[in-house]
Amino acid sequence: MIDKKPTIKEPVNPISDLNVQMEQKHESQANGSTAEDLYKMMANSSQVGFYVVQDKKFRFVNRHMAKYAAYRESEMLGMDPVSIIHPADRKVAAKKAVRMLKGQRFSPYEFRIITSDGHIKWIMETVTSITFKGRRAILGNSMDITEQREASERLEELEALESSILDAIAQAVVGLHNRRINFANNAVKTIFGWNREELIGKSVTIFYRNEEDAGIIGDRFYSTLEHQRTFITEFPCKRKDGREILCRMKASRIGEKLRDRRIVVTYEDITEQKKAEEELERSRQELRDLSTYLQSVREKESTRIARKIHDELGQSLTALQMDLSWLEQHLPGKSESIHEKTLRMTRLVDATIESVHKIMTELRPSLLDDLGLPDAIEWQANDFQKRSGIECKAFLDYGDMVIGRELATTIFRIFQETLTNIARHSKATQCGVSLTANEKQVCLEVTDNGVGITSRQIKDRQSFGIIGMRERAHLWGGTVHVAGGTNGGTTVTVTIPLIEGDDTIDKNTGCR
């Protein structure tokens, strides 16, 4: 992982300073200077805290020492040094100072002090025995390391937080340097069966089925991360027990540029998820195949019934109509009641023939079979206008294109469903239909000037009309896009490719 430790300047070595100062002291004494003046001169020129303790009292402190404790120099003279040490650190600090005075300790020791204004600071200190004013005393050399300690504590907290976050992630997180593992979180046990300690220093090849796979995925990662920050892919991996799993892997380079081939990779076991997705897709495909079959059976049955009605009921009604006409012509002239009865029967037969014709048309429009999709669309638009009172204009730009009967039926049924929705829900006064086609696709677009459909209605699971249209189009690799206008009205755009594999237009751009 990234080395986040801040650069901290090494503190001045108090022992080295002290040795230099003592040498200067002896040289000065040789020249006749007093020891007290020498100590003061050295302390005041130093960049760290100096003090002299004699009879358990401060006898001298320089300005840096006074600043550490937030006192004036004059205030500290005569104070017990122990009084400014944090109560919890007094015994330990005293013990370490005694050991250093006895020559049993040579490294600086650390403790806390409480300043005059109540703040806590960390001090690093060394002490040595000296002669001050002809008597034995202690010379202390101190440095305020509060900022360094706080920075170190913040870094430790950050590292602990980072470790906790990484261990809380369900995916295995692995740090790599030249394809060798230098970090792993606890989830590697769940994903791969390895303990994190077992992986440190090992090649990442351990996660893959063989060296070839490891080379392939490594080349993908490093070549891609040269140009972008992250890379996501799915790739087969191998657990410790040898079982193969499929992992979704996300790699990210460490730093702005890929240096020293340092990256972090997360591994998520999606084996069961993929199986579930494949099973769901297989189930959906089976349902679509069943839907296709049922629609085909229904259309065939509708055609059979329409023909049977036409051949049997239609012919019988026509014969009855002819017989009534003959009877009307041969009735005696004075039989008015019989004439009236015959006229009512003739009207009833005519109405029945008209109803039969409508039923046959709904079951299977003969125009769709006889003249093709464009004429059937135009006829349906005119018929809808007559029945609903909603003006319906048709624009047909179909050229000489010829499509199969089943696809034509699908488009025609979708068109019928859109008209049904307009009549039931739109409160429109006008609507229009456009049918266009080229060598790649056929497009049906129906618009109205009604109240407009809402996004909630479009997404409603109970909108079976829209769901049915989409399913019909999907069986042919097509799309149905339903949108409400900003000022009302609704547009339904159906796009179906005529050649398998050709791209359809974007659903938001309309038909071209």
Protein backbone atom coordinates (compact mmCIF):
# COMPACT_ATOMS: atom_id res chain seq x y z
CA MET A 1 0.00 0.00 0.00
CA ILE A 2 1.03 3.65 -0.22
CA ASP A 3 3.57 4.77 2.36
CA LYS A 4 1.75 7.73 3.90
CA LYS A 5 4.19 8.51 6.71
CA PRO A 6 5.08 12.21 6.74
CA THR A 7 8.69 13.33 6.67
CA ILE A 8 9.58 14.44 10.19
CA LYS A 9 12.82 16.24 10.84
CA GLU A 10 15.11 14.42 13.25
CA PRO A 11 15.31 16.31 16.54
CA VAL A 12 18.55 17.90 17.55
CA ASN A 13 20.62 15.38 19.47
CA PRO A 14 20.74 16.84 22.98
CA ILE A 15 23.70 14.65 23.99
CA SER A 16 25.82 15.86 21.06
CA ASP A 17 24.87 19.46 21.81
CA LEU A 18 25.77 18.93 25.42
CA ASN A 19 29.22 17.54 24.60
CA VAL A 20 29.97 20.47 22.33
CA GLN A 21 28.77 22.89 24.97
CA MET A 22 30.87 21.24 27.68
CA GLU A 23 33.96 21.48 25.49
CA GLN A 24 33.19 25.15 24.95
CA LYS A 25 32.70 25.50 28.68
CA HIS A 26 36.15 24.16 29.52
CA GLU A 27 37.72 26.38 26.86
CA SER A 28 35.91 29.41 28.25
CA GLN A 29 36.89 28.57 31.84
CA ALA A 30 40.46 28.44 30.70
CA ASN A 31 40.02 31.97 29.51
CA GLY A 32 38.58 33.04 32.85
CA SER A 33 34.81 33.09 32.19
CA THR A 34 32.46 31.90 34.97
CA ALA A 35 30.51 28.65 34.47
CA GLU A 36 27.19 30.39 35.14
CA ASP A 37 27.77 32.96 32.43
CA LEU A 38 28.84 30.21 30.08
CA TYR A 39 25.65 28.18 30.65
CA LYS A 40 23.49 31.21 30.08
CA MET A 41 25.35 32.15 26.94
CA MET A 42 25.02 28.66 25.48
CA ALA A 43 21.37 28.30 26.53
CA ASN A 44 20.32 31.62 25.08
CA SER A 45 21.99 30.90 21.76
CA SER A 46 20.46 27.40 21.51
CA GLN A 47 17.35 26.60 19.43
CA VAL A 48 16.03 24.15 22.03
CA GLY A 49 15.04 24.39 25.68
CA PHE A 50 17.73 24.50 28.37
CA TYR A 51 17.31 24.56 32.10
CA VAL A 52 19.33 24.02 35.28
CA VAL A 53 17.79 22.28 38.32
CA GLN A 54 19.42 22.49 41.71
CA ASP A 55 17.87 21.48 45.04
CA LYS A 56 14.78 20.35 43.07
CA LYS A 57 14.17 23.90 41.84
CA PHE A 58 14.63 25.61 38.51
CA ARG A 59 17.69 27.87 38.84
CA PHE A 60 17.89 28.79 35.20
CA VAL A 61 15.64 28.41 32.12
CA ASN A 62 16.18 29.79 28.63
CA ARG A 63 13.44 31.43 26.58
CA HIS A 64 12.63 28.25 24.63
CA MET A 65 12.02 26.25 27.79
CA ALA A 66 9.81 29.00 29.17
CA LYS A 67 7.92 29.12 25.88
CA TYR A 68 7.26 25.37 25.98
CA ALA A 69 5.61 25.70 29.38
CA ALA A 70 3.91 29.03 28.55
CA TYR A 71 5.57 30.82 31.49
CA ARG A 72 7.88 33.79 31.70
CA GLU A 73 11.46 32.88 32.49
CA SER A 74 11.26 34.73 35.79
CA GLU A 75 8.10 32.81 36.79
CA MET A 76 9.78 29.44 36.39
CA LEU A 77 12.77 30.22 38.59
CA GLY A 78 12.19 28.55 41.94
CA MET A 79 9.47 26.21 40.64
CA ASP A 80 9.65 22.46 41.23
CA PRO A 81 10.27 20.88 37.77
CA VAL A 82 7.96 18.00 38.69
CA SER A 83 5.03 20.42 39.04
CA ILE A 84 4.79 21.02 35.28
CA ILE A 85 5.05 17.33 34.35
CA HIS A 86 1.76 15.55 33.67
CA PRO A 87 0.81 13.60 36.83
CA ALA A 88 0.54 10.34 34.85
CA ASP A 89 4.11 10.71 33.52
CA ARG A 90 5.95 11.91 36.66
CA LYS A 91 7.17 8.54 37.97
CA VAL A 92 8.27 7.27 34.55
CA ALA A 93 10.00 10.54 33.64
CA ALA A 94 11.84 10.60 36.99
CA LYS A 95 12.94 6.98 36.60
CA LYS A 96 14.31 7.57 33.08
CA ALA A 97 16.09 10.77 34.17
CA VAL A 98 17.82 8.92 37.05
CA ARG A 99 18.97 6.14 34.70
CA MET A 100 20.41 8.72 32.30
CA LEU A 101 22.19 10.54 35.13
CA LYS A 102 23.72 7.19 36.19
CA GLY A 103 24.89 6.47 32.64
CA GLN A 104 22.44 3.58 32.23
CA ARG A 105 20.45 5.28 29.45
CA PHE A 106 21.71 7.27 26.46
CA SER A 107 18.62 7.87 24.25
CA PRO A 108 16.26 10.80 24.89
CA TYR A 109 13.02 10.06 26.72
CA GLU A 110 9.56 11.57 26.21
CA PHE A 111 6.87 12.79 28.60
CA ARG A 112 4.02 15.26 28.78
CA ILE A 113 3.89 18.63 30.52
CA ILE A 114 0.95 20.82 31.44
CA THR A 115 1.43 24.43 30.39
CA SER A 116 0.36 27.43 32.46
CA ASP A 117 -2.78 27.79 30.32
CA GLY A 118 -3.76 24.14 30.76
CA HIS A 119 -2.58 22.70 27.45
CA ILE A 120 -0.71 19.42 27.22
CA LYS A 121 2.57 19.23 25.30
CA TRP A 122 5.00 16.44 24.54
CA ILE A 123 8.63 17.01 25.49
CA MET A 124 11.74 15.02 24.46
CA GLU A 125 14.53 15.45 26.96
CA THR A 126 18.08 14.51 28.01
CA VAL A 127 19.73 15.34 31.33
CA THR A 128 23.32 15.37 32.61
CA SER A 129 25.08 16.24 35.84
CA ILE A 130 26.99 19.55 35.98
CA THR A 131 28.51 21.91 38.52
CA PHE A 132 26.55 25.13 38.89
CA LYS A 133 27.77 27.87 41.20
CA GLY A 134 30.18 25.43 42.78
CA ARG A 135 27.53 22.84 43.58
CA ARG A 136 26.13 19.81 41.85
CA ALA A 137 23.12 20.43 39.55
CA ILE A 138 21.26 18.93 36.60
CA LEU A 139 21.40 20.38 33.11
CA GLY A 140 18.32 19.58 31.04
CA ASN A 141 18.04 19.80 27.26
CA SER A 142 14.41 19.72 25.99
CA MET A 143 12.57 19.86 22.70
CA ASP A 144 8.84 20.39 22.05
CA ILE A 145 7.73 17.41 19.90
CA THR A 146 3.97 17.95 20.26
CA GLU A 147 3.38 18.48 16.56
CA GLN A 148 5.41 15.41 15.61
CA ARG A 149 3.56 13.25 18.14
CA GLU A 150 0.17 14.52 16.98
CA ALA A 151 1.13 13.90 13.34
CA SER A 152 2.27 10.40 14.24
CA GLU A 153 -0.95 9.70 16.15
CA ARG A 154 -3.06 11.02 13.27
CA LEU A 155 -1.13 8.79 10.90
CA GLU A 156 -1.68 5.77 13.14
CA GLU A 157 -5.39 6.57 13.35
CA LEU A 158 -5.54 6.95 9.57
CA GLU A 159 -3.76 3.65 9.04
CA ALA A 160 -6.07 1.93 11.54
CA LEU A 161 -9.11 3.43 9.83
CA GLU A 162 -7.80 2.41 6.41
CA SER A 163 -7.22 -1.13 7.64
CA SER A 164 -10.72 -1.27 9.16
CA ILE A 165 -12.33 0.01 5.97
CA LEU A 166 -10.45 -2.46 3.80
CA ASP A 167 -11.32 -5.35 6.10
CA ALA A 168 -14.99 -4.31 6.02
CA ILE A 169 -15.06 -4.58 2.21
CA ALA A 170 -16.60 -7.82 0.98
CA GLN A 171 -14.28 -7.97 -2.04
CA ALA A 172 -10.72 -9.21 -1.75
CA VAL A 173 -8.36 -6.20 -1.91
CA VAL A 174 -4.76 -6.87 -2.93
CA GLY A 175 -1.81 -4.50 -3.32
CA LEU A 176 0.74 -5.45 -5.99
CA HIS A 177 4.29 -4.33 -6.72
CA ASN A 178 5.73 -5.88 -9.86
CA ARG A 179 2.94 -8.48 -9.67
CA ARG A 180 3.93 -9.52 -6.15
CA ILE A 181 1.48 -9.18 -3.27
CA ASN A 182 2.50 -6.68 -0.59
CA PHE A 183 -0.92 -6.20 0.99
CA ALA A 184 -4.15 -8.19 1.31
CA ASN A 185 -7.31 -7.67 3.35
CA ASN A 186 -9.20 -10.34 5.28
CA ALA A 187 -11.65 -10.97 2.43
CA VAL A 188 -9.01 -12.96 0.52
CA LYS A 189 -9.92 -15.80 2.87
CA THR A 190 -13.55 -15.68 1.77
CA ILE A 191 -12.87 -15.23 -1.94
CA PHE A 192 -9.79 -17.40 -2.45
CA GLY A 193 -9.43 -19.46 0.73
CA TRP A 194 -5.98 -18.01 1.56
CA ASN A 195 -5.04 -16.32 4.83
CA ARG A 196 -3.68 -12.85 4.18
CA GLU A 197 -0.37 -13.72 5.87
CA GLU A 198 0.16 -16.60 3.43
CA LEU A 199 0.00 -14.26 0.42
CA ILE A 200 2.47 -11.52 1.32
CA GLY A 201 5.46 -11.66 -1.01
CA LYS A 202 3.92 -14.24 -3.33
CA SER A 203 3.25 -13.75 -7.04
CA VAL A 204 -0.30 -12.81 -7.98
CA THR A 205 -0.20 -15.84 -10.29
CA ILE A 206 -1.47 -17.77 -7.28
CA PHE A 207 -4.98 -16.41 -8.02
CA TYR A 208 -5.14 -17.66 -11.61
CA ARG A 209 -5.53 -21.01 -13.32
CA ASN A 210 -2.10 -20.97 -14.94
CA GLU A 211 0.83 -18.76 -15.94
CA GLU A 212 -0.74 -17.96 -19.30
CA ASP A 213 -3.90 -16.57 -17.71
CA ALA A 214 -1.81 -14.56 -15.26
CA GLY A 215 0.18 -13.08 -18.14
CA ILE A 216 -2.95 -12.20 -20.11
CA ILE A 217 -4.69 -10.38 -17.26
CA GLY A 218 -1.45 -8.70 -16.14
CA ASP A 219 -0.84 -7.31 -19.62
CA ARG A 220 -4.42 -6.01 -19.73
CA PHE A 221 -4.08 -4.28 -16.40
CA TYR A 222 -0.70 -2.64 -16.85
CA SER A 223 -1.20 -1.59 -20.48
CA THR A 224 -4.58 -0.04 -19.69
CA LEU A 225 -3.51 1.65 -16.46
CA GLU A 226 -0.76 3.47 -18.35
CA HIS A 227 -3.52 5.62 -19.89
CA GLN A 228 -6.37 5.58 -17.35
CA ARG A 229 -6.81 5.45 -13.59
CA THR A 230 -8.94 2.32 -13.27
CA PHE A 231 -9.83 -0.77 -15.28
CA ILE A 232 -12.69 -3.25 -14.73
CA THR A 233 -13.02 -6.69 -16.27
CA GLU A 234 -14.29 -10.20 -15.59
CA PHE A 235 -11.83 -13.07 -15.59
CA PRO A 236 -11.65 -16.70 -14.42
CA CYS A 237 -9.65 -17.26 -11.22
CA LYS A 238 -8.72 -20.17 -8.98
CA ARG A 239 -9.20 -20.74 -5.24
CA LYS A 240 -6.71 -22.37 -2.90
CA ASP A 241 -8.67 -25.64 -3.09
CA GLY A 242 -8.38 -25.61 -6.90
CA ARG A 243 -11.99 -24.68 -7.61
CA GLU A 244 -12.43 -22.26 -10.47
CA ILE A 245 -14.45 -19.09 -9.92
CA LEU A 246 -15.37 -16.11 -12.07
CA CYS A 247 -14.26 -12.79 -10.61
CA ARG A 248 -15.15 -9.20 -11.39
CA MET A 249 -11.84 -7.42 -11.04
CA LYS A 250 -11.17 -3.71 -10.68
CA ALA A 251 -7.57 -2.51 -10.86
CA SER A 252 -6.36 0.97 -9.97
CA ARG A 253 -2.87 2.37 -10.22
CA ILE A 254 -1.21 3.89 -7.16
CA GLY A 255 -0.49 7.55 -7.82
CA GLU A 256 -1.12 9.75 -10.81
CA LYS A 257 1.19 7.69 -13.01
CA LEU A 258 1.97 3.99 -13.16
CA ARG A 259 5.38 3.85 -11.53
CA ASP A 260 7.19 0.77 -10.25
CA ARG A 261 4.17 -1.24 -11.49
CA ARG A 262 2.29 -0.59 -8.24
CA ILE A 263 -1.45 -1.24 -8.42
CA VAL A 264 -4.40 -2.23 -6.22
CA VAL A 265 -6.83 -4.92 -7.41
CA THR A 266 -10.21 -5.91 -5.97
CA TYR A 267 -11.68 -9.34 -6.66
CA GLU A 268 -15.40 -10.11 -6.38
CA ASP A 269 -16.64 -13.67 -6.81
CA ILE A 270 -19.55 -13.43 -9.26
CA THR A 271 -19.75 -17.14 -10.13
CA GLU A 272 -23.18 -17.69 -8.57
CA GLN A 273 -24.39 -14.30 -9.76
CA LYS A 274 -23.48 -15.18 -13.35
CA LYS A 275 -25.20 -18.53 -13.06
CA ALA A 276 -28.33 -16.83 -11.74
CA GLU A 277 -28.20 -14.24 -14.54
CA GLU A 278 -27.80 -16.95 -17.17
CA GLU A 279 -30.65 -18.95 -15.65
CA LEU A 280 -32.83 -15.84 -15.54
CA GLU A 281 -32.00 -15.01 -19.15
CA ARG A 282 -32.69 -18.59 -20.19
CA SER A 283 -36.03 -18.45 -18.38
CA ARG A 284 -36.87 -15.12 -20.02
CA GLN A 285 -35.98 -16.49 -23.43
CA GLU A 286 -38.16 -19.52 -22.83
CA LEU A 287 -41.05 -17.23 -21.87
CA ARG A 288 -40.47 -15.12 -24.97
CA ASP A 289 -40.39 -18.24 -27.13
CA LEU A 290 -43.60 -19.38 -25.49
CA SER A 291 -45.12 -15.93 -26.03
CA THR A 292 -44.09 -16.04 -29.69
CA TYR A 293 -45.63 -19.47 -30.07
CA LEU A 294 -48.85 -18.45 -28.33
CA GLN A 295 -49.17 -15.31 -30.43
CA SER A 296 -48.60 -17.35 -33.58
CA VAL A 297 -51.18 -19.89 -32.48
CA ARG A 298 -53.62 -17.10 -31.61
CA GLU A 299 -53.18 -15.40 -34.97
CA LYS A 300 -53.63 -18.70 -36.78
CA GLU A 301 -56.71 -19.49 -34.73
CA SER A 302 -58.10 -16.00 -35.33
CA THR A 303 -57.55 -16.46 -39.06
CA ARG A 304 -59.22 -19.88 -38.96
CA ILE A 305 -62.22 -18.54 -37.04
CA ALA A 306 -62.50 -15.51 -39.34
CA ARG A 307 -62.52 -17.76 -42.39
CA LYS A 308 -65.02 -20.13 -40.80
CA ILE A 309 -67.31 -17.21 -39.96
CA HIS A 310 -66.93 -15.93 -43.49
CA ASP A 311 -67.50 -19.30 -45.14
CA GLU A 312 -70.34 -20.52 -42.96
CA LEU A 313 -72.05 -17.73 -41.07
CA GLY A 314 -71.39 -15.12 -43.74
CA GLN A 315 -72.73 -17.29 -46.52
CA SER A 316 -75.79 -18.28 -44.47
CA LEU A 317 -76.58 -14.64 -43.70
CA THR A 318 -76.16 -13.71 -47.35
CA ALA A 319 -78.53 -16.53 -48.38
CA LEU A 320 -81.02 -15.40 -45.76
CA GLN A 321 -80.76 -11.84 -47.05
CA MET A 322 -81.48 -13.03 -50.60
CA ASP A 323 -84.46 -15.11 -49.46
CA LEU A 324 -85.94 -12.16 -47.61
CA SER A 325 -85.54 -10.01 -50.69
CA TRP A 326 -87.37 -12.65 -52.80
CA LEU A 327 -90.05 -12.94 -50.17
CA GLU A 328 -90.54 -9.18 -50.12
CA GLN A 329 -91.08 -9.18 -53.87
CA HIS A 330 -93.70 -12.00 -53.81
CA LEU A 331 -95.85 -10.87 -50.87
CA PRO A 332 -99.45 -9.81 -51.64
CA GLY A 333 -99.79 -6.07 -51.98
CA LYS A 334 -102.39 -5.74 -49.23
CA SER A 335 -100.37 -7.55 -46.52
CA GLU A 336 -98.88 -4.40 -44.85
CA SER A 337 -98.09 -6.06 -41.53
CA ILE A 338 -96.23 -8.87 -43.29
CA HIS A 339 -94.33 -6.31 -45.39
CA GLU A 340 -93.36 -4.42 -42.21
CA LYS A 341 -92.21 -7.62 -40.52
CA THR A 342 -90.18 -8.61 -43.54
CA LEU A 343 -88.54 -5.18 -43.64
CA ARG A 344 -87.49 -5.44 -39.96
CA MET A 345 -86.06 -8.90 -40.61
CA THR A 346 -84.09 -7.57 -43.57
CA ARG A 347 -82.66 -4.71 -41.44
CA LEU A 348 -81.72 -7.17 -38.68
CA VAL A 349 -79.93 -9.43 -41.16
CA ASP A 350 -78.06 -6.42 -42.59
CA ALA A 351 -76.98 -5.36 -39.09
CA THR A 352 -75.89 -8.91 -38.30
CA ILE A 353 -73.84 -9.07 -41.49
CA GLU A 354 -72.16 -5.78 -40.50
CA SER A 355 -71.38 -7.12 -37.01
CA VAL A 356 -69.98 -10.30 -38.48
CA HIS A 357 -67.83 -8.21 -40.81
CA LYS A 358 -66.42 -6.23 -37.83
CA ILE A 359 -65.73 -9.40 -35.87
CA MET A 360 -63.92 -10.91 -38.85
CA THR A 361 -61.88 -7.73 -39.27
CA GLU A 362 -60.84 -7.69 -35.61
CA LEU A 363 -59.94 -11.36 -35.76
CA ARG A 364 -57.91 -10.97 -38.95
CA PRO A 365 -58.11 -7.92 -41.24
CA SER A 366 -58.43 -9.25 -44.76
CA LEU A 367 -56.61 -6.15 -46.06
CA LEU A 368 -53.48 -7.23 -44.18
CA ASP A 369 -53.38 -10.46 -46.18
CA ASP A 370 -54.74 -9.15 -49.46
CA LEU A 371 -53.07 -5.73 -49.84
CA GLY A 372 -50.30 -5.61 -47.20
CA LEU A 373 -49.34 -3.59 -44.13
CA PRO A 374 -49.55 0.01 -45.48
CA ASP A 375 -53.15 -0.36 -46.73
CA ALA A 376 -54.15 -2.14 -43.54
CA ILE A 377 -52.67 0.73 -41.46
CA GLU A 378 -54.51 3.33 -43.57
CA TRP A 379 -57.78 1.44 -43.35
CA GLN A 380 -57.42 1.04 -39.56
CA ALA A 381 -56.73 4.78 -39.15
CA ASN A 382 -59.89 5.66 -41.14
CA ASP A 383 -61.98 3.13 -39.27
CA PHE A 384 -60.70 4.45 -35.92
CA GLN A 385 -61.66 8.00 -36.95
CA LYS A 386 -65.21 6.89 -37.80
CA ARG A 387 -65.72 4.94 -34.61
CA SER A 388 -64.04 7.33 -32.11
CA GLY A 389 -64.58 10.76 -33.65
CA ILE A 390 -60.85 11.46 -33.21
CA GLU A 391 -59.25 12.78 -36.38
CA CYS A 392 -56.55 10.36 -37.50
CA LYS A 393 -54.17 11.12 -40.35
CA ALA A 394 -51.82 8.57 -41.89
CA PHE A 395 -48.47 9.21 -43.56
CA LEU A 396 -47.07 6.21 -45.42
CA ASP A 397 -43.58 6.17 -46.93
CA TYR A 398 -43.15 2.47 -47.42
CA GLY A 399 -41.93 2.31 -51.01
CA ASP A 400 -41.75 -1.16 -52.52
CA MET A 401 -40.64 -2.84 -49.30
CA VAL A 402 -42.21 -6.21 -48.63
CA ILE A 403 -42.06 -7.83 -45.23
CA GLY A 404 -43.26 -11.18 -44.01
CA ARG A 405 -46.76 -11.86 -42.86
CA GLU A 406 -45.87 -12.44 -39.19
CA LEU A 407 -43.86 -9.23 -38.86
CA ALA A 408 -46.62 -7.29 -40.61
CA THR A 409 -49.09 -8.76 -38.13
CA THR A 410 -46.87 -7.71 -35.20
CA ILE A 411 -46.66 -4.10 -36.40
CA PHE A 412 -50.38 -3.96 -37.13
CA ARG A 413 -51.28 -5.32 -33.66
CA ILE A 414 -49.00 -2.75 -32.00
CA PHE A 415 -50.73 -0.03 -34.00
CA GLN A 416 -54.14 -1.30 -32.89
CA GLU A 417 -52.99 -1.23 -29.25
CA THR A 418 -51.81 2.39 -29.55
CA LEU A 419 -55.19 3.42 -30.97
CA THR A 420 -56.96 1.61 -28.11
CA ASN A 421 -54.84 3.53 -25.58
CA ILE A 422 -55.57 6.84 -27.31
CA ALA A 423 -59.32 6.15 -27.24
CA ARG A 424 -59.30 5.08 -23.57
CA HIS A 425 -56.85 7.45 -21.89
CA SER A 426 -55.63 10.37 -23.99
CA LYS A 427 -58.70 12.65 -24.31
CA ALA A 428 -57.18 13.61 -27.66
CA THR A 429 -58.95 15.27 -30.58
CA GLN A 430 -56.28 14.44 -33.17
CA CYS A 431 -53.72 11.75 -33.78
CA GLY A 432 -51.35 10.80 -36.56
CA VAL A 433 -49.57 7.70 -37.73
CA SER A 434 -46.36 7.49 -39.73
CA LEU A 435 -45.13 4.27 -41.32
CA THR A 436 -41.68 4.39 -42.92
CA ALA A 437 -39.29 1.70 -44.06
CA ASN A 438 -35.97 1.20 -45.79
CA GLU A 439 -33.72 -1.75 -46.45
CA LYS A 440 -32.64 -1.85 -42.80
CA GLN A 441 -35.66 -1.15 -40.67
CA VAL A 442 -39.34 -0.36 -40.45
CA CYS A 443 -40.58 2.39 -38.17
CA LEU A 444 -44.07 3.09 -36.88
CA GLU A 445 -44.72 6.36 -35.05
CA VAL A 446 -48.07 7.31 -33.51
CA THR A 447 -48.70 10.71 -31.90
CA ASP A 448 -51.69 12.38 -30.28
CA ASN A 449 -52.54 15.80 -28.80
CA GLY A 450 -54.03 14.44 -25.59
CA VAL A 451 -53.18 14.98 -21.95
CA GLY A 452 -49.87 13.17 -22.31
CA ILE A 453 -48.54 10.10 -20.57
CA THR A 454 -46.40 10.47 -17.41
CA SER A 455 -43.12 8.73 -16.66
CA ARG A 456 -44.82 6.97 -13.75
CA GLN A 457 -47.48 5.56 -16.08
CA ILE A 458 -44.79 4.42 -18.53
CA LYS A 459 -42.96 2.53 -15.76
CA ASP A 460 -46.11 1.16 -14.14
CA ARG A 461 -46.00 -2.63 -14.02
CA GLN A 462 -49.75 -2.66 -14.57
CA SER A 463 -49.42 -0.91 -17.96
CA PHE A 464 -50.03 -4.16 -19.78
CA GLY A 465 -50.71 -2.45 -23.10
CA ILE A 466 -47.22 -0.91 -23.18
CA ILE A 467 -45.65 -4.11 -21.86
CA GLY A 468 -47.41 -6.10 -24.59
CA MET A 469 -46.22 -3.75 -27.33
CA ARG A 470 -42.63 -3.95 -26.08
CA GLU A 471 -42.71 -7.73 -25.92
CA ARG A 472 -44.09 -7.98 -29.45
CA ALA A 473 -41.33 -5.70 -30.76
CA HIS A 474 -38.62 -7.41 -28.69
CA LEU A 475 -39.39 -10.75 -30.35
CA TRP A 476 -38.16 -9.18 -33.60
CA GLY A 477 -35.17 -7.42 -32.04
CA GLY A 478 -37.04 -4.11 -32.04
CA THR A 479 -37.80 -1.38 -29.52
CA VAL A 480 -40.85 0.56 -28.38
CA HIS A 481 -40.24 4.03 -26.96
CA VAL A 482 -43.13 5.85 -25.26
CA ALA A 483 -42.75 9.52 -24.32
CA GLY A 484 -44.99 12.31 -23.10
CA GLY A 485 -44.57 15.78 -24.60
CA THR A 486 -43.69 18.80 -22.48
CA ASN A 487 -46.95 20.48 -23.52
CA GLY A 488 -49.08 17.33 -23.51
CA GLY A 489 -49.55 14.60 -26.04
CA THR A 490 -47.88 11.23 -26.33
CA THR A 491 -45.58 9.70 -28.94
CA VAL A 492 -45.09 5.98 -29.44
CA THR A 493 -42.12 5.03 -31.64
CA VAL A 494 -41.69 1.43 -32.80
CA THR A 495 -38.45 0.50 -34.57
CA ILE A 496 -37.84 -3.01 -35.88
CA PRO A 497 -34.77 -4.08 -37.89
CA LEU A 498 -35.48 -5.87 -41.15
CA ILE A 499 -32.06 -7.53 -41.38
CA GLU A 500 -30.71 -9.36 -38.39
CA GLY A 501 -27.61 -7.71 -37.00
CA ASP A 502 -28.29 -4.23 -38.43
CA ASP A 503 -28.35 -1.47 -35.86
CA THR A 504 -31.57 0.40 -35.20
CA ILE A 505 -31.73 4.14 -34.70
CA ASP A 506 -31.46 5.68 -31.28
CA LYS A 507 -34.82 5.51 -29.57
CA ASN A 508 -34.70 9.19 -28.62
CA THR A 509 -34.16 10.54 -32.13
CA GLY A 510 -37.33 9.30 -33.82
CA CYS A 511 -37.55 7.53 -37.16
CA ARG A 512 -35.44 8.34 -40.19
